[in-house]
Amino acid sequence: EKIFQALGSPLLRKVTLVAFMLSREAGIWWQGALQRMIVVGTQVNWENFKQLFLEKYFPRDVRLKKQVEFLEFKQGDNSVAEYVTKFEDLVRFCPMYDGVGNAEDKCVKFVSGLRPEIKQVFNYQWITQYHDLVNKCRLYDEDNRARVTHYKSGGPMRNHNKFGSSSKGKPYTKYVGDSSSKVNNQDSLQ
């Protein structure tokens, strides 16, 4: 359908174009289905073709499993970019979330599947433009992952002197020099 939209193809031509592109096996199936449609008096149009094609090559039970998978889908350990890819693959099986008038519902479903720390940031913003929501979540996730990686890899050092050793618990360093003439302040406090 994406190709038809790009070509601006009218509905009447879709069936003809698709029938031409079908593989040998699918072409044979379509010839039989077309004959049955004509005999029964069913109108040969895009919606009827699509319904027959899906029934033949993508059975209802498989579609229902995909719908359930979508409804239960969560981000888990995936990045937002990975979550978006899988979300968009599954949303097409749930027409109530995928369509022109369903952007708000799609956004609500998208946010509900995010990890809690990301969901908390976006849940109250009520972003109803799906692409805006995806971009903001993706940027937040990338920044958050970069921050975590930065601190895990060493990040800014705290409680370390210029030589890299920790001085924690020591108010000052010992004086190392001629011990006979000078008193070490730290030793005298002990």
Protein backbone atom coordinates (compact mmCIF):
# COMPACT_ATOMS: atom_id res chain seq x y z
CA GLU A 1 0.00 0.00 0.00
CA LYS A 2 2.97 2.27 0.61
CA ILE A 3 3.91 2.05 -3.07
CA PHE A 4 0.34 2.83 -4.12
CA GLN A 5 0.33 5.95 -1.95
CA ALA A 6 3.60 7.10 -3.49
CA LEU A 7 2.25 6.51 -6.99
CA GLY A 8 -1.10 8.09 -6.20
CA SER A 9 -2.73 4.98 -7.62
CA PRO A 10 -6.54 4.92 -7.56
CA LEU A 11 -8.24 2.07 -5.71
CA LEU A 12 -9.49 0.50 -8.93
CA ARG A 13 -5.98 -0.05 -10.27
CA LYS A 14 -4.56 -1.55 -7.07
CA VAL A 15 -6.01 -5.02 -7.62
CA THR A 16 -4.78 -5.13 -11.22
CA LEU A 17 -1.28 -3.99 -10.27
CA VAL A 18 -0.99 -6.40 -7.34
CA ALA A 19 -2.32 -9.33 -9.37
CA PHE A 20 0.38 -8.62 -11.94
CA MET A 21 3.09 -8.68 -9.24
CA LEU A 22 1.99 -11.92 -7.53
CA SER A 23 4.31 -14.91 -7.61
CA ARG A 24 3.36 -18.01 -9.60
CA GLU A 25 1.62 -19.77 -6.70
CA ALA A 26 -0.15 -16.64 -5.49
CA GLY A 27 -1.12 -15.78 -9.07
CA ILE A 28 -2.79 -19.18 -9.48
CA TRP A 29 -4.58 -18.69 -6.16
CA TRP A 30 -5.79 -15.24 -7.28
CA GLN A 31 -7.16 -16.53 -10.60
CA GLY A 32 -9.27 -19.07 -8.68
CA ALA A 33 -10.37 -16.50 -6.08
CA LEU A 34 -11.27 -14.02 -8.82
CA GLN A 35 -13.44 -16.61 -10.60
CA ARG A 36 -15.24 -17.40 -7.32
CA MET A 37 -15.82 -13.67 -6.67
CA ILE A 38 -17.34 -13.22 -10.14
CA VAL A 39 -19.59 -16.30 -9.81
CA VAL A 40 -20.85 -15.25 -6.37
CA GLY A 41 -21.23 -11.63 -7.42
CA THR A 42 -18.70 -10.15 -5.01
CA GLN A 43 -17.33 -6.80 -6.11
CA VAL A 44 -13.69 -6.98 -7.20
CA ASN A 45 -12.11 -4.13 -5.27
CA TRP A 46 -9.07 -3.47 -3.12
CA GLU A 47 -10.75 -4.13 0.25
CA ASN A 48 -12.17 -7.49 -0.86
CA PHE A 49 -8.85 -8.49 -2.42
CA LYS A 50 -6.99 -7.56 0.75
CA GLN A 51 -9.41 -9.53 2.92
CA LEU A 52 -9.11 -12.67 0.76
CA PHE A 53 -5.33 -12.34 0.52
CA LEU A 54 -4.92 -11.99 4.30
CA GLU A 55 -7.24 -14.94 4.95
CA LYS A 56 -5.18 -17.09 2.58
CA TYR A 57 -1.63 -16.04 3.46
CA PHE A 58 -1.99 -14.57 6.92
CA PRO A 59 -4.64 -16.51 8.86
CA ARG A 60 -6.78 -14.89 11.53
CA ASP A 61 -5.20 -16.86 14.40
CA VAL A 62 -1.74 -15.56 13.43
CA ARG A 63 -3.06 -11.99 13.24
CA LEU A 64 -4.71 -12.35 16.66
CA LYS A 65 -1.44 -13.62 18.16
CA LYS A 66 0.33 -10.57 16.73
CA GLN A 67 -2.35 -8.31 18.22
CA VAL A 68 -1.87 -9.88 21.66
CA GLU A 69 1.91 -9.59 21.27
CA PHE A 70 1.48 -5.88 20.50
CA LEU A 71 -0.89 -5.26 23.39
CA GLU A 72 1.54 -6.93 25.84
CA PHE A 73 4.70 -5.46 24.29
CA LYS A 74 7.10 -3.62 26.63
CA GLN A 75 10.44 -1.94 26.04
CA GLY A 76 12.36 -4.10 28.50
CA ASP A 77 16.14 -3.75 28.12
CA ASN A 78 15.86 -2.48 24.53
CA SER A 79 16.87 1.03 23.58
CA VAL A 80 14.03 3.34 22.58
CA ALA A 81 15.18 3.01 18.95
CA GLU A 82 14.86 -0.80 19.16
CA TYR A 83 11.51 -0.47 20.95
CA VAL A 84 10.22 1.84 18.18
CA THR A 85 11.23 -0.61 15.46
CA LYS A 86 9.38 -3.53 17.08
CA PHE A 87 6.43 -1.30 18.10
CA GLU A 88 5.93 -0.14 14.51
CA ASP A 89 6.22 -3.69 13.22
CA LEU A 90 3.47 -4.87 15.59
CA VAL A 91 1.12 -1.85 15.58
CA ARG A 92 -0.02 -2.61 12.03
CA PHE A 93 -1.88 -5.64 13.42
CA CYS A 94 -4.00 -3.40 15.66
CA PRO A 95 -6.04 -1.02 13.49
CA MET A 96 -7.43 0.71 16.60
CA TYR A 97 -3.92 2.11 17.23
CA ASP A 98 -2.67 2.48 13.67
CA GLY A 99 -4.45 4.99 11.52
CA VAL A 100 -4.91 8.64 10.77
CA GLY A 101 -7.41 9.35 13.56
CA ASN A 102 -5.69 7.21 16.17
CA ALA A 103 -2.48 9.17 16.85
CA GLU A 104 -3.40 9.98 20.45
CA ASP A 105 -4.23 6.34 21.28
CA LYS A 106 -1.01 5.24 19.60
CA CYS A 107 0.98 7.68 21.76
CA VAL A 108 -0.71 6.45 24.94
CA LYS A 109 0.09 2.83 24.03
CA PHE A 110 3.68 3.75 23.15
CA VAL A 111 4.28 5.48 26.49
CA SER A 112 2.64 2.66 28.44
CA GLY A 113 5.24 0.21 27.11
CA LEU A 114 8.29 2.30 28.00
CA ARG A 115 10.60 1.46 30.91
CA PRO A 116 9.40 3.14 34.13
CA GLU A 117 12.21 5.73 34.28
CA ILE A 118 11.42 6.92 30.75
CA LYS A 119 7.65 6.58 31.13
CA GLN A 120 7.79 8.80 34.21
CA VAL A 121 9.34 11.63 32.18
CA PHE A 122 6.86 11.50 29.27
CA ASN A 123 3.63 10.23 30.83
CA TYR A 124 2.53 13.65 32.09
CA GLN A 125 3.56 15.64 29.03
CA TRP A 126 0.63 14.31 26.99
CA ILE A 127 2.43 14.43 23.65
CA THR A 128 -0.14 13.48 21.00
CA GLN A 129 2.04 13.64 17.89
CA TYR A 130 3.59 10.18 17.53
CA HIS A 131 6.73 11.29 15.68
CA ASP A 132 7.42 14.06 18.23
CA LEU A 133 6.97 11.59 21.07
CA VAL A 134 9.29 9.02 19.48
CA ASN A 135 12.01 11.60 18.81
CA LYS A 136 11.88 13.02 22.33
CA CYS A 137 11.95 9.57 23.92
CA ARG A 138 14.80 8.47 21.67
CA LEU A 139 16.89 11.56 22.51
CA TYR A 140 16.20 11.16 26.23
CA ASP A 141 17.20 7.50 26.10
CA GLU A 142 20.40 8.20 24.14
CA ASP A 143 21.41 10.99 26.54
CA ASN A 144 20.63 8.82 29.54
CA ARG A 145 22.64 5.88 28.16
CA ALA A 146 25.58 8.19 27.34
CA ARG A 147 25.51 9.58 30.89
CA VAL A 148 25.52 6.09 32.42
CA THR A 149 28.35 4.98 30.12
CA HIS A 150 30.34 8.11 30.98
CA TYR A 151 30.15 7.49 34.73
CA LYS A 152 30.78 3.75 34.40
CA SER A 153 33.92 4.41 32.36
CA GLY A 154 35.48 6.58 35.03
CA GLY A 155 33.85 9.91 34.45
CA PRO A 156 34.91 12.74 36.73
CA MET A 157 37.07 11.50 39.61
CA ARG A 158 36.17 12.59 43.13
CA ASN A 159 38.22 12.46 46.33
CA HIS A 160 41.45 11.94 44.43
CA ASN A 161 44.53 14.14 44.54
CA LYS A 162 46.55 15.06 41.49
CA PHE A 163 48.52 11.80 41.72
CA GLY A 164 45.40 9.65 41.52
CA SER A 165 45.51 8.32 45.08
CA SER A 166 42.62 8.78 47.41
CA SER A 167 43.10 11.00 50.42
CA LYS A 168 39.81 9.96 51.98
CA GLY A 169 40.02 9.93 55.73
CA LYS A 170 43.31 11.87 55.84
CA PRO A 171 43.02 15.60 56.44
CA TYR A 172 46.48 16.20 55.00
CA THR A 173 49.43 14.20 53.71
CA LYS A 174 52.47 13.30 55.74
CA TYR A 175 55.59 15.37 55.36
CA VAL A 176 58.41 13.18 54.11
CA GLY A 177 61.77 14.68 54.85
CA ASP A 178 64.41 14.73 57.56
CA SER A 179 62.51 13.15 60.44
CA SER A 180 65.11 14.09 63.05
CA SER A 181 64.67 17.84 62.66
CA LYS A 182 60.98 18.13 61.85
CA VAL A 183 57.94 16.72 63.57
CA ASN A 184 55.31 15.02 61.49
CA ASN A 185 52.02 16.61 62.50
CA GLN A 186 49.97 13.57 61.66
CA ASP A 187 52.15 11.26 63.73
CA SER A 188 51.92 13.60 66.72
CA LEU A 189 48.13 13.50 66.58
CA GLN A 190 48.00 9.73 66.70
